Structure formats: structure tokens, C-alpha cells
Amino acid sequence: MPHRAQIFGSFDEFHRDAPRLVEARPVVSVGSFDGVHLGHQYLLAELIEWARREHAPAVVVTFRRHPREYMLNIEIPSLNTAEHKARLLSKAGVDAVVMLDFDENLRQLTAEQFMSRCIKQQVGARAMLVGFNNRIGKDGEGTFPVLREIGKGIDIDVREGERIEVSGEAMSSSAIRKHVANGDFLWARKMLGRPYSLVGAVIEGDKRGRTIGFPTANIALKGLAYPPQGVYGARCKLNGSWRLGAVNIGTRPTVDPERVEPLLEVHVLDFDGDLYGKEIEVEFLFHVRGEKKFHSLDELKQQLQKDVGEIHRRADEEDYD
């Protein structure tokens, strides 16, 4: 069976429901872990190795949304949902994930308060691995040297992970967001260590695609990073298996001219079934064309047929399963 980490929604929940983990004095890492990219994966491998040497659990403390969203009152597009992030962290091999909602209480904690109240008292940590150049605590005061000194006073060994680069570019979630926004899936893949994908529950649409022979599964994009509007070849994971798909990201100008918020629509090729409410993972492969407003549904249908043919052709040529 695949490894599954225990997931907790707060420090209180962890302390209350995981007494054995607390008593075992975990090795902990704290960060946003948006995307769980190669830099994160390297840090997680180091965390797990350290924990195993200490015969202790490996615990990650992270956030449902990026803390800077709350602090700066801006939206930072996420590379994955909180649920997808938790799954990736679990796949990396950690024993537990504490998934927090960043709020005013957390914002006001100094680095020393966060370390002593949360990491020491609530989690019971013996050690903490800090991501390169990561900061913790009010106003970002908790740099690695500061955290290391705080740790000495409360019996927590604090170490810093290495800076990781890809082809000379520093590894970061913000860099991956830029590559995704530019539709550069190759660079995103280099940094993620896997193809860029979006995971979400299929929401109900207007079923208009069925009327022209192209039923779609729709995923809301609000809060997520996504590539430029247009049509893409993709792989879609349904019930544990991958299928080829045609994805449209956009506002659907032909059928919904008043729409402003972009939507992801995926037509799963050679599939007939009800996907409402089910989770689907969409892995982007290549760009086909930009979004366009058509004069009629017949014209749209003809173009979609061409798109599907193009996706089949390129998938065969480039050997996508």
C-alpha cells in the first residue's frame, strides 16, 4: 500500500490527536511548500533522512494558502490545492502534515513565540529543518541564524537546507508560477520534477458541450496558477488511470460572452461517463491554439474536431501514453 501521512488541521489537533508523535519528538520543517517542487523534495528527503537517523517522525507544518496572501492582502495563485499539496507531501514520505489556515494569531507571533509555543510545546519537536532563506515569525524576523539561537534555548536543533538551482535559475514557487503563466511547461517540469498539473473536483456546468458532441468536465480555477487562455493537449487522471484529453482554459466567448472568470474545461477523449463531483487531475502536455470566439456552434464544433485530431496526432508522435 502507498504511504499515507496523517493530516491535521491545527497545532491543537496535532497535540490532542497524535500523542505518540508528540512523545516521539519529531523532526519538523515549516513552509508554504507550494507546488512541492524539486527544491522542496530535496528538503523533504533531508528531513526524512534526519528523522530516521533520530528514530523520530518527520512532520511538515504548512499552510492551506500562502501566508503572504494574508499579510499583503493580495491573491497569490497556488500551484496546487491544499488537498493536492497534502497528497504530494505524503507521497514524499513524511509521517504527518499540519495544514494551517494562516490568520491574525499566527501573524502576531514572534519567531520565539512560534518556536516555543507551537513547534516545541504543541508539536514536541527535537529538531527543525529550515528551507533556504526561509523566514518565520512576525515581520519575517526569524532568519536561520535567529531561529538557530532560539532553538539552542529550547533544546531544538535547527539546520538550514541548501539552495537548489535548475539550469542556473534559483528554485522557487514564484519562478514556477511565472513559467506556468507563460505556458512554459518544460521549465515548469524541470522545477517540479514532474509535469505541471491541476487537481480539482468536477463542478456542474451548463452541459452545452454535450449538445455538440464534446461533453466537458469543468474545474474552477479561482486561486490557482494556470497557463494562458487557449486549448491544450493533456492527460487526465480518472479513477487512478490516465486518459488523453482536450483542455480549454478561458471564458468561453462563443457560448458565454458575459463570463469574466476563466474556467478549465476538459473533454476526456474516448470516454463516456458522469464525472460530476469526482476528482480529476489534468496534466498539461502542449499548446494547441489560443481561445477564439466563433460565429456559430457549428463552427465551434468543426474546430473542436480539428483540435481533437491534432491532439491525437501529436500525442502519437511524441509518445504520450
C-alpha atoms as a PDB file:
ATOM      1  CA  MET A   1       0.000   0.000   0.000  1.00  0.00           C
ATOM      2  CA  PRO A   2       1.217   3.553  -0.719  1.00  0.00           C
ATOM      3  CA  HIS A   3       2.465   5.548   2.240  1.00  0.00           C
ATOM      4  CA  ARG A   4      -0.121   7.870   3.790  1.00  0.00           C
ATOM      5  CA  ALA A   5       0.763  10.699   6.121  1.00  0.00           C
ATOM      6  CA  GLN A   6      -1.593  11.721   8.908  1.00  0.00           C
ATOM      7  CA  ILE A   7      -3.155  15.120   8.197  1.00  0.00           C
ATOM      8  CA  PHE A   8      -4.040  17.609  10.949  1.00  0.00           C
ATOM      9  CA  GLY A   9      -5.807  20.969  10.672  1.00  0.00           C
ATOM     10  CA  SER A  10      -4.191  22.795  13.599  1.00  0.00           C
ATOM     11  CA  PHE A  11      -1.484  22.562  16.232  1.00  0.00           C
ATOM     12  CA  ASP A  12      -4.147  21.841  18.852  1.00  0.00           C
ATOM     13  CA  GLU A  13      -5.497  18.958  16.773  1.00  0.00           C
ATOM     14  CA  PHE A  14      -1.997  17.511  16.324  1.00  0.00           C
ATOM     15  CA  HIS A  15      -1.216  17.754  20.055  1.00  0.00           C
ATOM     16  CA  ARG A  16      -4.579  16.247  21.018  1.00  0.00           C
ATOM     17  CA  ASP A  17      -4.918  13.500  18.407  1.00  0.00           C
ATOM     18  CA  ALA A  18      -1.308  12.429  17.863  1.00  0.00           C
ATOM     19  CA  PRO A  19       0.172  11.974  21.372  1.00  0.00           C
ATOM     20  CA  ARG A  20       2.537   9.236  20.170  1.00  0.00           C
ATOM     21  CA  LEU A  21       4.017  11.561  17.563  1.00  0.00           C
ATOM     22  CA  VAL A  22       4.420  14.331  20.125  1.00  0.00           C
ATOM     23  CA  GLU A  23       6.064  11.973  22.619  1.00  0.00           C
ATOM     24  CA  ALA A  24       8.427  10.720  19.902  1.00  0.00           C
ATOM     25  CA  ARG A  25       9.724  14.308  19.485  1.00  0.00           C
ATOM     26  CA  PRO A  26       9.549  14.802  15.705  1.00  0.00           C
ATOM     27  CA  VAL A  27      11.931  16.440  13.287  1.00  0.00           C
ATOM     28  CA  VAL A  28       9.958  19.304  11.724  1.00  0.00           C
ATOM     29  CA  SER A  29      10.046  21.548   8.676  1.00  0.00           C
ATOM     30  CA  VAL A  30       7.876  24.659   8.236  1.00  0.00           C
ATOM     31  CA  GLY A  31       6.997  26.361   4.957  1.00  0.00           C
ATOM     32  CA  SER A  32       4.383  27.021   2.291  1.00  0.00           C
ATOM     33  CA  PHE A  33       5.591  24.097   0.114  1.00  0.00           C
ATOM     34  CA  ASP A  34       3.550  25.466  -2.798  1.00  0.00           C
ATOM     35  CA  GLY A  35       3.992  23.075  -5.709  1.00  0.00           C
ATOM     36  CA  VAL A  36       6.180  20.670  -3.691  1.00  0.00           C
ATOM     37  CA  HIS A  37       8.860  21.311  -6.323  1.00  0.00           C
ATOM     38  CA  LEU A  38      12.329  19.757  -6.601  1.00  0.00           C
ATOM     39  CA  GLY A  39      13.755  22.139  -4.002  1.00  0.00           C
ATOM     40  CA  HIS A  40      11.025  21.093  -1.590  1.00  0.00           C
ATOM     41  CA  GLN A  41      11.564  17.438  -2.471  1.00  0.00           C
ATOM     42  CA  TYR A  42      15.275  17.739  -1.716  1.00  0.00           C
ATOM     43  CA  LEU A  43      14.442  19.375   1.635  1.00  0.00           C
ATOM     44  CA  LEU A  44      11.861  16.692   2.428  1.00  0.00           C
ATOM     45  CA  ALA A  45      14.344  13.914   1.646  1.00  0.00           C
ATOM     46  CA  GLU A  46      16.818  15.558   4.022  1.00  0.00           C
ATOM     47  CA  LEU A  47      14.081  15.937   6.651  1.00  0.00           C
ATOM     48  CA  ILE A  48      13.082  12.284   6.416  1.00  0.00           C
ATOM     49  CA  GLU A  49      16.692  11.063   6.486  1.00  0.00           C
ATOM     50  CA  TRP A  50      17.390  13.179   9.584  1.00  0.00           C
ATOM     51  CA  ALA A  51      14.230  11.908  11.282  1.00  0.00           C
ATOM     52  CA  ARG A  52      15.091   8.285  10.529  1.00  0.00           C
ATOM     53  CA  ARG A  53      18.579   8.727  11.988  1.00  0.00           C
ATOM     54  CA  GLU A  54      16.958  10.071  15.147  1.00  0.00           C
ATOM     55  CA  HIS A  55      14.305   7.303  15.126  1.00  0.00           C
ATOM     56  CA  ALA A  56      11.723  10.107  15.125  1.00  0.00           C
ATOM     57  CA  PRO A  57       8.715  11.064  12.985  1.00  0.00           C
ATOM     58  CA  ALA A  58       9.111  13.526  10.104  1.00  0.00           C
ATOM     59  CA  VAL A  59       6.475  16.289  10.342  1.00  0.00           C
ATOM     60  CA  VAL A  60       5.716  19.141   7.948  1.00  0.00           C
ATOM     61  CA  VAL A  61       3.916  22.302   9.072  1.00  0.00           C
ATOM     62  CA  THR A  62       2.416  24.131   6.112  1.00  0.00           C
ATOM     63  CA  PHE A  63      -0.494  26.346   5.070  1.00  0.00           C
ATOM     64  CA  ARG A  64      -3.644  25.993   3.010  1.00  0.00           C
ATOM     65  CA  ARG A  65      -2.909  29.341   1.327  1.00  0.00           C
ATOM     66  CA  HIS A  66       0.350  31.271   1.168  1.00  0.00           C
ATOM     67  CA  PRO A  67       0.860  33.411   4.326  1.00  0.00           C
ATOM     68  CA  ARG A  68       1.789  36.413   2.166  1.00  0.00           C
ATOM     69  CA  GLU A  69      -1.806  36.481   0.897  1.00  0.00           C
ATOM     70  CA  TYR A  70      -2.994  37.333   4.384  1.00  0.00           C
ATOM     71  CA  MET A  71      -0.132  39.658   5.221  1.00  0.00           C
ATOM     72  CA  LEU A  72      -0.243  41.644   1.968  1.00  0.00           C
ATOM     73  CA  ASN A  73      -3.972  41.245   1.231  1.00  0.00           C
ATOM     74  CA  ILE A  74      -3.275  40.012  -2.297  1.00  0.00           C
ATOM     75  CA  GLU A  75      -4.059  36.787  -4.110  1.00  0.00           C
ATOM     76  CA  ILE A  76      -1.071  34.561  -4.822  1.00  0.00           C
ATOM     77  CA  PRO A  77      -2.066  31.848  -7.307  1.00  0.00           C
ATOM     78  CA  SER A  78      -1.313  28.430  -5.857  1.00  0.00           C
ATOM     79  CA  LEU A  79       0.407  25.705  -7.838  1.00  0.00           C
ATOM     80  CA  ASN A  80      -1.851  23.160  -6.183  1.00  0.00           C
ATOM     81  CA  THR A  81      -4.833  22.911  -3.876  1.00  0.00           C
ATOM     82  CA  ALA A  82      -4.265  22.186  -0.193  1.00  0.00           C
ATOM     83  CA  GLU A  83      -5.513  18.633  -0.733  1.00  0.00           C
ATOM     84  CA  HIS A  84      -3.140  18.062  -3.658  1.00  0.00           C
ATOM     85  CA  LYS A  85      -0.268  19.525  -1.622  1.00  0.00           C
ATOM     86  CA  ALA A  86      -1.004  17.184   1.279  1.00  0.00           C
ATOM     87  CA  ARG A  87      -1.008  14.237  -1.101  1.00  0.00           C
ATOM     88  CA  LEU A  88       2.359  15.232  -2.584  1.00  0.00           C
ATOM     89  CA  LEU A  89       3.860  15.678   0.878  1.00  0.00           C
ATOM     90  CA  SER A  90       2.536  12.278   1.881  1.00  0.00           C
ATOM     91  CA  LYS A  91       3.977  10.739  -1.291  1.00  0.00           C
ATOM     92  CA  ALA A  92       7.363  12.226  -0.362  1.00  0.00           C
ATOM     93  CA  GLY A  93       7.276  10.059   2.757  1.00  0.00           C
ATOM     94  CA  VAL A  94       6.612  12.371   5.706  1.00  0.00           C
ATOM     95  CA  ASP A  95       4.715  10.920   8.645  1.00  0.00           C
ATOM     96  CA  ALA A  96       2.381  13.827   9.361  1.00  0.00           C
ATOM     97  CA  VAL A  97       1.276  17.163   7.904  1.00  0.00           C
ATOM     98  CA  VAL A  98      -0.121  20.036   9.953  1.00  0.00           C
ATOM     99  CA  MET A  99      -2.149  22.102   7.444  1.00  0.00           C
ATOM    100  CA  LEU A 100      -2.830  25.556   8.897  1.00  0.00           C
ATOM    101  CA  ASP A 101      -5.070  28.448   7.926  1.00  0.00           C
ATOM    102  CA  PHE A 102      -2.813  31.486   8.327  1.00  0.00           C
ATOM    103  CA  ASP A 103      -4.625  34.038  10.484  1.00  0.00           C
ATOM    104  CA  GLU A 104      -4.037  37.065  12.698  1.00  0.00           C
ATOM    105  CA  ASN A 105      -2.996  34.918  15.657  1.00  0.00           C
ATOM    106  CA  LEU A 106      -0.196  33.350  13.641  1.00  0.00           C
ATOM    107  CA  ARG A 107       0.719  36.680  12.098  1.00  0.00           C
ATOM    108  CA  GLN A 108       1.307  38.271  15.501  1.00  0.00           C
ATOM    109  CA  LEU A 109       3.567  35.504  16.846  1.00  0.00           C
ATOM    110  CA  THR A 110       7.227  36.430  17.094  1.00  0.00           C
ATOM    111  CA  ALA A 111       9.749  33.860  15.919  1.00  0.00           C
ATOM    112  CA  GLU A 112      10.476  32.954  19.542  1.00  0.00           C
ATOM    113  CA  GLN A 113       6.778  32.571  20.392  1.00  0.00           C
ATOM    114  CA  PHE A 114       6.155  30.412  17.311  1.00  0.00           C
ATOM    115  CA  MET A 115       9.120  28.201  18.090  1.00  0.00           C
ATOM    116  CA  SER A 116       8.397  27.793  21.818  1.00  0.00           C
ATOM    117  CA  ARG A 117       4.565  27.644  21.789  1.00  0.00           C
ATOM    118  CA  CYS A 118       3.907  25.828  18.537  1.00  0.00           C
ATOM    119  CA  ILE A 119       6.959  23.866  17.488  1.00  0.00           C
ATOM    120  CA  LYS A 120       8.202  22.938  20.968  1.00  0.00           C
ATOM    121  CA  GLN A 121       5.081  22.729  23.152  1.00  0.00           C
ATOM    122  CA  GLN A 122       2.421  21.657  20.656  1.00  0.00           C
ATOM    123  CA  VAL A 123       4.454  19.519  18.232  1.00  0.00           C
ATOM    124  CA  GLY A 124       7.146  18.438  20.696  1.00  0.00           C
ATOM    125  CA  ALA A 125       9.932  18.855  18.134  1.00  0.00           C
ATOM    126  CA  ARG A 126      13.517  17.892  18.842  1.00  0.00           C
ATOM    127  CA  ALA A 127      14.829  19.431  15.611  1.00  0.00           C
ATOM    128  CA  MET A 128      13.768  21.693  12.757  1.00  0.00           C
ATOM    129  CA  LEU A 129      14.992  21.882   9.175  1.00  0.00           C
ATOM    130  CA  VAL A 130      14.526  25.349   7.649  1.00  0.00           C
ATOM    131  CA  GLY A 131      14.263  25.896   3.908  1.00  0.00           C
ATOM    132  CA  PHE A 132      16.994  28.041   2.335  1.00  0.00           C
ATOM    133  CA  ASN A 133      16.365  31.727   3.034  1.00  0.00           C
ATOM    134  CA  ASN A 134      13.024  30.942   4.669  1.00  0.00           C
ATOM    135  CA  ARG A 135      11.761  33.306   7.378  1.00  0.00           C
ATOM    136  CA  ILE A 136       9.436  32.578  10.268  1.00  0.00           C
ATOM    137  CA  GLY A 137       7.671  34.850  12.733  1.00  0.00           C
ATOM    138  CA  LYS A 138       6.285  38.387  12.849  1.00  0.00           C
ATOM    139  CA  ASP A 139       7.722  40.725  10.203  1.00  0.00           C
ATOM    140  CA  GLY A 140       9.930  37.912   8.925  1.00  0.00           C
ATOM    141  CA  GLU A 141      12.317  38.287  11.850  1.00  0.00           C
ATOM    142  CA  GLY A 142      13.040  34.560  12.103  1.00  0.00           C
ATOM    143  CA  THR A 143      16.002  34.144   9.756  1.00  0.00           C
ATOM    144  CA  PHE A 144      18.056  30.974  10.047  1.00  0.00           C
ATOM    145  CA  PRO A 145      20.653  32.494  12.442  1.00  0.00           C
ATOM    146  CA  VAL A 146      17.856  33.840  14.665  1.00  0.00           C
ATOM    147  CA  LEU A 147      15.992  30.530  14.667  1.00  0.00           C
ATOM    148  CA  ARG A 148      19.177  28.614  15.413  1.00  0.00           C
ATOM    149  CA  GLU A 149      19.790  30.761  18.505  1.00  0.00           C
ATOM    150  CA  ILE A 150      16.172  30.402  19.643  1.00  0.00           C
ATOM    151  CA  GLY A 151      16.476  26.653  19.163  1.00  0.00           C
ATOM    152  CA  LYS A 152      19.506  26.444  21.402  1.00  0.00           C
ATOM    153  CA  GLY A 153      17.486  27.925  24.248  1.00  0.00           C
ATOM    154  CA  ILE A 154      14.600  25.466  23.946  1.00  0.00           C
ATOM    155  CA  ASP A 155      16.502  22.279  23.008  1.00  0.00           C
ATOM    156  CA  ILE A 156      15.651  22.277  19.289  1.00  0.00           C
ATOM    157  CA  ASP A 157      18.474  21.636  16.826  1.00  0.00           C
ATOM    158  CA  VAL A 158      17.864  23.994  13.862  1.00  0.00           C
ATOM    159  CA  ARG A 159      19.554  23.470  10.493  1.00  0.00           C
ATOM    160  CA  GLU A 160      19.147  25.105   7.089  1.00  0.00           C
ATOM    161  CA  GLY A 161      18.573  23.331   3.772  1.00  0.00           C
ATOM    162  CA  GLU A 162      20.674  24.029   0.691  1.00  0.00           C
ATOM    163  CA  ARG A 163      19.898  26.480  -2.112  1.00  0.00           C
ATOM    164  CA  ILE A 164      18.747  24.474  -5.137  1.00  0.00           C
ATOM    165  CA  GLU A 165      19.032  25.689  -8.739  1.00  0.00           C
ATOM    166  CA  VAL A 166      17.862  24.389 -12.114  1.00  0.00           C
ATOM    167  CA  SER A 167      19.941  25.413 -15.134  1.00  0.00           C
ATOM    168  CA  GLY A 168      21.278  28.360 -13.164  1.00  0.00           C
ATOM    169  CA  GLU A 169      17.859  29.594 -12.015  1.00  0.00           C
ATOM    170  CA  ALA A 170      17.026  29.536  -8.319  1.00  0.00           C
ATOM    171  CA  MET A 171      14.331  27.021  -7.456  1.00  0.00           C
ATOM    172  CA  SER A 172      11.201  28.754  -6.195  1.00  0.00           C
ATOM    173  CA  SER A 173       7.424  28.522  -6.354  1.00  0.00           C
ATOM    174  CA  SER A 174       7.243  32.092  -7.699  1.00  0.00           C
ATOM    175  CA  ALA A 175       9.540  31.165 -10.607  1.00  0.00           C
ATOM    176  CA  ILE A 176       7.340  28.169 -11.448  1.00  0.00           C
ATOM    177  CA  ARG A 177       4.223  30.367 -11.349  1.00  0.00           C
ATOM    178  CA  LYS A 178       5.827  32.653 -13.925  1.00  0.00           C
ATOM    179  CA  HIS A 179       6.708  29.739 -16.200  1.00  0.00           C
ATOM    180  CA  VAL A 180       3.174  28.337 -15.914  1.00  0.00           C
ATOM    181  CA  ALA A 181       1.674  31.777 -16.639  1.00  0.00           C
ATOM    182  CA  ASN A 182       3.840  31.909 -19.782  1.00  0.00           C
ATOM    183  CA  GLY A 183       2.778  28.415 -20.837  1.00  0.00           C
ATOM    184  CA  ASP A 184       6.337  27.137 -20.499  1.00  0.00           C
ATOM    185  CA  PHE A 185       5.609  23.597 -19.360  1.00  0.00           C
ATOM    186  CA  LEU A 186       9.179  22.404 -19.994  1.00  0.00           C
ATOM    187  CA  TRP A 187      10.633  24.823 -17.446  1.00  0.00           C
ATOM    188  CA  ALA A 188       7.819  24.094 -15.012  1.00  0.00           C
ATOM    189  CA  ARG A 189       8.533  20.389 -15.367  1.00  0.00           C
ATOM    190  CA  LYS A 190      12.241  20.959 -14.764  1.00  0.00           C
ATOM    191  CA  MET A 191      11.495  22.697 -11.479  1.00  0.00           C
ATOM    192  CA  LEU A 192       8.655  20.477 -10.312  1.00  0.00           C
ATOM    193  CA  GLY A 193      10.319  17.195 -11.227  1.00  0.00           C
ATOM    194  CA  ARG A 194       7.012  16.178 -12.820  1.00  0.00           C
ATOM    195  CA  PRO A 195       4.616  17.623 -15.432  1.00  0.00           C
ATOM    196  CA  TYR A 196       2.569  20.589 -14.244  1.00  0.00           C
ATOM    197  CA  SER A 197      -0.971  19.542 -13.379  1.00  0.00           C
ATOM    198  CA  LEU A 198      -4.111  20.866 -11.743  1.00  0.00           C
ATOM    199  CA  VAL A 199      -6.284  18.769  -9.455  1.00  0.00           C
ATOM    200  CA  GLY A 200      -9.861  19.624  -8.603  1.00  0.00           C
ATOM    201  CA  ALA A 201     -13.398  18.390  -8.164  1.00  0.00           C
ATOM    202  CA  VAL A 202     -15.544  18.468 -11.276  1.00  0.00           C
ATOM    203  CA  ILE A 203     -18.223  21.135 -10.961  1.00  0.00           C
ATOM    204  CA  GLU A 204     -21.541  21.209 -12.772  1.00  0.00           C
ATOM    205  CA  GLY A 205     -21.669  23.281 -15.956  1.00  0.00           C
ATOM    206  CA  ASP A 206     -24.390  24.186 -18.416  1.00  0.00           C
ATOM    207  CA  LYS A 207     -23.988  20.851 -20.294  1.00  0.00           C
ATOM    208  CA  ARG A 208     -23.756  22.758 -23.577  1.00  0.00           C
ATOM    209  CA  GLY A 209     -20.777  20.673 -24.700  1.00  0.00           C
ATOM    210  CA  ARG A 210     -22.950  17.566 -24.777  1.00  0.00           C
ATOM    211  CA  THR A 211     -25.218  19.153 -27.373  1.00  0.00           C
ATOM    212  CA  ILE A 212     -22.358  19.366 -29.892  1.00  0.00           C
ATOM    213  CA  GLY A 213     -20.764  16.028 -29.028  1.00  0.00           C
ATOM    214  CA  PHE A 214     -17.990  17.331 -26.762  1.00  0.00           C
ATOM    215  CA  PRO A 215     -19.029  16.875 -23.111  1.00  0.00           C
ATOM    216  CA  THR A 216     -16.605  18.515 -20.717  1.00  0.00           C
ATOM    217  CA  ALA A 217     -15.613  18.193 -17.084  1.00  0.00           C
ATOM    218  CA  ASN A 218     -15.227  21.649 -15.545  1.00  0.00           C
ATOM    219  CA  ILE A 219     -12.817  22.730 -12.807  1.00  0.00           C
ATOM    220  CA  ALA A 220     -12.860  26.134 -11.111  1.00  0.00           C
ATOM    221  CA  LEU A 221      -9.558  27.999 -11.444  1.00  0.00           C
ATOM    222  CA  LYS A 222     -10.023  30.616  -8.722  1.00  0.00           C
ATOM    223  CA  GLY A 223      -6.950  30.803  -6.520  1.00  0.00           C
ATOM    224  CA  LEU A 224      -4.874  28.541  -8.778  1.00  0.00           C
ATOM    225  CA  ALA A 225      -1.983  29.231 -11.146  1.00  0.00           C
ATOM    226  CA  TYR A 226      -2.804  28.325 -14.744  1.00  0.00           C
ATOM    227  CA  PRO A 227      -1.378  28.787 -18.264  1.00  0.00           C
ATOM    228  CA  PRO A 228      -2.575  31.354 -20.826  1.00  0.00           C
ATOM    229  CA  GLN A 229      -6.107  31.022 -22.141  1.00  0.00           C
ATOM    230  CA  GLY A 230      -6.383  28.586 -25.012  1.00  0.00           C
ATOM    231  CA  VAL A 231      -6.635  24.927 -25.968  1.00  0.00           C
ATOM    232  CA  TYR A 232      -4.135  22.324 -24.767  1.00  0.00           C
ATOM    233  CA  GLY A 233      -3.411  18.662 -25.180  1.00  0.00           C
ATOM    234  CA  ALA A 234      -3.472  16.993 -21.786  1.00  0.00           C
ATOM    235  CA  ARG A 235      -3.537  13.781 -19.852  1.00  0.00           C
ATOM    236  CA  CYS A 236      -6.397  13.310 -17.388  1.00  0.00           C
ATOM    237  CA  LYS A 237      -6.262  11.006 -14.400  1.00  0.00           C
ATOM    238  CA  LEU A 238      -9.597   9.395 -13.619  1.00  0.00           C
ATOM    239  CA  ASN A 239     -10.038   6.656 -11.040  1.00  0.00           C
ATOM    240  CA  GLY A 240      -6.293   6.010 -10.998  1.00  0.00           C
ATOM    241  CA  SER A 241      -5.793   5.723 -14.772  1.00  0.00           C
ATOM    242  CA  TRP A 242      -4.618   8.275 -17.364  1.00  0.00           C
ATOM    243  CA  ARG A 243      -6.541   9.245 -20.494  1.00  0.00           C
ATOM    244  CA  LEU A 244      -5.825  11.736 -23.255  1.00  0.00           C
ATOM    245  CA  GLY A 245      -7.845  14.950 -23.107  1.00  0.00           C
ATOM    246  CA  ALA A 246      -8.502  18.278 -24.811  1.00  0.00           C
ATOM    247  CA  VAL A 247      -8.440  21.205 -22.377  1.00  0.00           C
ATOM    248  CA  ASN A 248      -9.817  24.701 -22.852  1.00  0.00           C
ATOM    249  CA  ILE A 249      -8.883  27.450 -20.427  1.00  0.00           C
ATOM    250  CA  GLY A 250     -10.861  30.621 -20.882  1.00  0.00           C
ATOM    251  CA  THR A 251     -14.129  32.474 -20.633  1.00  0.00           C
ATOM    252  CA  ARG A 252     -15.948  30.590 -23.450  1.00  0.00           C
ATOM    253  CA  PRO A 253     -16.722  33.710 -25.558  1.00  0.00           C
ATOM    254  CA  THR A 254     -18.774  31.777 -28.121  1.00  0.00           C
ATOM    255  CA  VAL A 255     -21.341  30.390 -25.662  1.00  0.00           C
ATOM    256  CA  ASP A 256     -20.941  32.668 -22.617  1.00  0.00           C
ATOM    257  CA  PRO A 257     -19.945  36.169 -23.812  1.00  0.00           C
ATOM    258  CA  GLU A 258     -20.664  37.770 -20.411  1.00  0.00           C
ATOM    259  CA  ARG A 259     -18.330  35.480 -18.489  1.00  0.00           C
ATOM    260  CA  VAL A 260     -15.264  37.095 -16.887  1.00  0.00           C
ATOM    261  CA  GLU A 261     -13.788  34.403 -14.625  1.00  0.00           C
ATOM    262  CA  PRO A 262     -11.742  31.800 -16.584  1.00  0.00           C
ATOM    263  CA  LEU A 263     -12.743  28.160 -16.334  1.00  0.00           C
ATOM    264  CA  LEU A 264     -10.944  24.919 -17.103  1.00  0.00           C
ATOM    265  CA  GLU A 265     -12.955  22.579 -19.330  1.00  0.00           C
ATOM    266  CA  VAL A 266     -11.565  19.191 -20.259  1.00  0.00           C
ATOM    267  CA  HIS A 267     -13.024  16.848 -22.847  1.00  0.00           C
ATOM    268  CA  VAL A 268     -11.719  13.381 -21.978  1.00  0.00           C
ATOM    269  CA  LEU A 269     -11.146  11.577 -25.257  1.00  0.00           C
ATOM    270  CA  ASP A 270     -12.783   8.199 -25.801  1.00  0.00           C
ATOM    271  CA  PHE A 271     -14.648   8.406 -22.507  1.00  0.00           C
ATOM    272  CA  ASP A 272     -18.343   8.377 -21.724  1.00  0.00           C
ATOM    273  CA  GLY A 273     -19.438   8.787 -18.121  1.00  0.00           C
ATOM    274  CA  ASP A 274     -20.615  11.117 -15.379  1.00  0.00           C
ATOM    275  CA  LEU A 275     -17.755  12.910 -13.624  1.00  0.00           C
ATOM    276  CA  TYR A 276     -19.674  15.461 -11.514  1.00  0.00           C
ATOM    277  CA  GLY A 277     -18.267  15.689  -8.015  1.00  0.00           C
ATOM    278  CA  LYS A 278     -15.350  13.402  -8.795  1.00  0.00           C
ATOM    279  CA  GLU A 279     -11.729  14.469  -8.563  1.00  0.00           C
ATOM    280  CA  ILE A 280      -9.747  14.783 -11.767  1.00  0.00           C
ATOM    281  CA  GLU A 281      -6.084  15.595 -12.369  1.00  0.00           C
ATOM    282  CA  VAL A 282      -5.248  17.458 -15.563  1.00  0.00           C
ATOM    283  CA  GLU A 283      -1.625  17.269 -16.700  1.00  0.00           C
ATOM    284  CA  PHE A 284      -0.721  19.787 -19.407  1.00  0.00           C
ATOM    285  CA  LEU A 285       1.256  18.431 -22.373  1.00  0.00           C
ATOM    286  CA  PHE A 286       1.325  21.031 -25.153  1.00  0.00           C
ATOM    287  CA  HIS A 287      -0.402  24.140 -26.514  1.00  0.00           C
ATOM    288  CA  VAL A 288      -2.741  23.698 -29.467  1.00  0.00           C
ATOM    289  CA  ARG A 289      -4.196  27.170 -30.131  1.00  0.00           C
ATOM    290  CA  GLY A 290      -5.438  30.328 -28.459  1.00  0.00           C
ATOM    291  CA  GLU A 291      -9.031  30.842 -27.367  1.00  0.00           C
ATOM    292  CA  LYS A 292     -11.260  32.220 -30.104  1.00  0.00           C
ATOM    293  CA  LYS A 293     -14.837  33.416 -30.456  1.00  0.00           C
ATOM    294  CA  PHE A 294     -16.713  31.559 -33.197  1.00  0.00           C
ATOM    295  CA  HIS A 295     -19.720  32.788 -35.169  1.00  0.00           C
ATOM    296  CA  SER A 296     -21.812  29.660 -34.509  1.00  0.00           C
ATOM    297  CA  LEU A 297     -21.893  26.390 -32.580  1.00  0.00           C
ATOM    298  CA  ASP A 298     -21.355  24.505 -35.849  1.00  0.00           C
ATOM    299  CA  GLU A 299     -18.146  26.447 -36.464  1.00  0.00           C
ATOM    300  CA  LEU A 300     -17.053  25.735 -32.890  1.00  0.00           C
ATOM    301  CA  LYS A 301     -17.811  22.029 -33.330  1.00  0.00           C
ATOM    302  CA  GLN A 302     -15.745  21.851 -36.520  1.00  0.00           C
ATOM    303  CA  GLN A 303     -12.794  23.485 -34.775  1.00  0.00           C
ATOM    304  CA  LEU A 304     -13.070  21.140 -31.795  1.00  0.00           C
ATOM    305  CA  GLN A 305     -12.954  18.176 -34.155  1.00  0.00           C
ATOM    306  CA  LYS A 306      -9.748  19.585 -35.644  1.00  0.00           C
ATOM    307  CA  ASP A 307      -8.342  20.163 -32.138  1.00  0.00           C
ATOM    308  CA  VAL A 308      -9.004  16.558 -31.112  1.00  0.00           C
ATOM    309  CA  GLY A 309      -7.389  15.289 -34.306  1.00  0.00           C
ATOM    310  CA  GLU A 310      -4.340  17.484 -33.643  1.00  0.00           C
ATOM    311  CA  ILE A 311      -4.076  16.242 -30.062  1.00  0.00           C
ATOM    312  CA  HIS A 312      -4.286  12.593 -31.160  1.00  0.00           C
ATOM    313  CA  ARG A 313      -1.634  13.194 -33.829  1.00  0.00           C
ATOM    314  CA  ARG A 314       0.818  14.962 -31.540  1.00  0.00           C
ATOM    315  CA  ALA A 315       0.255  12.510 -28.718  1.00  0.00           C
ATOM    316  CA  ASP A 316       1.125   9.639 -31.072  1.00  0.00           C
ATOM    317  CA  GLU A 317       4.176  11.438 -32.481  1.00  0.00           C
ATOM    318  CA  GLU A 318       5.506  12.456 -29.079  1.00  0.00           C
ATOM    319  CA  ASP A 319       4.660   9.104 -27.494  1.00  0.00           C
ATOM    320  CA  TYR A 320       2.313  10.290 -24.757  1.00  0.00           C
ATOM    321  CA  ASP A 321       0.508   7.381 -23.129  1.00  0.00           C
END
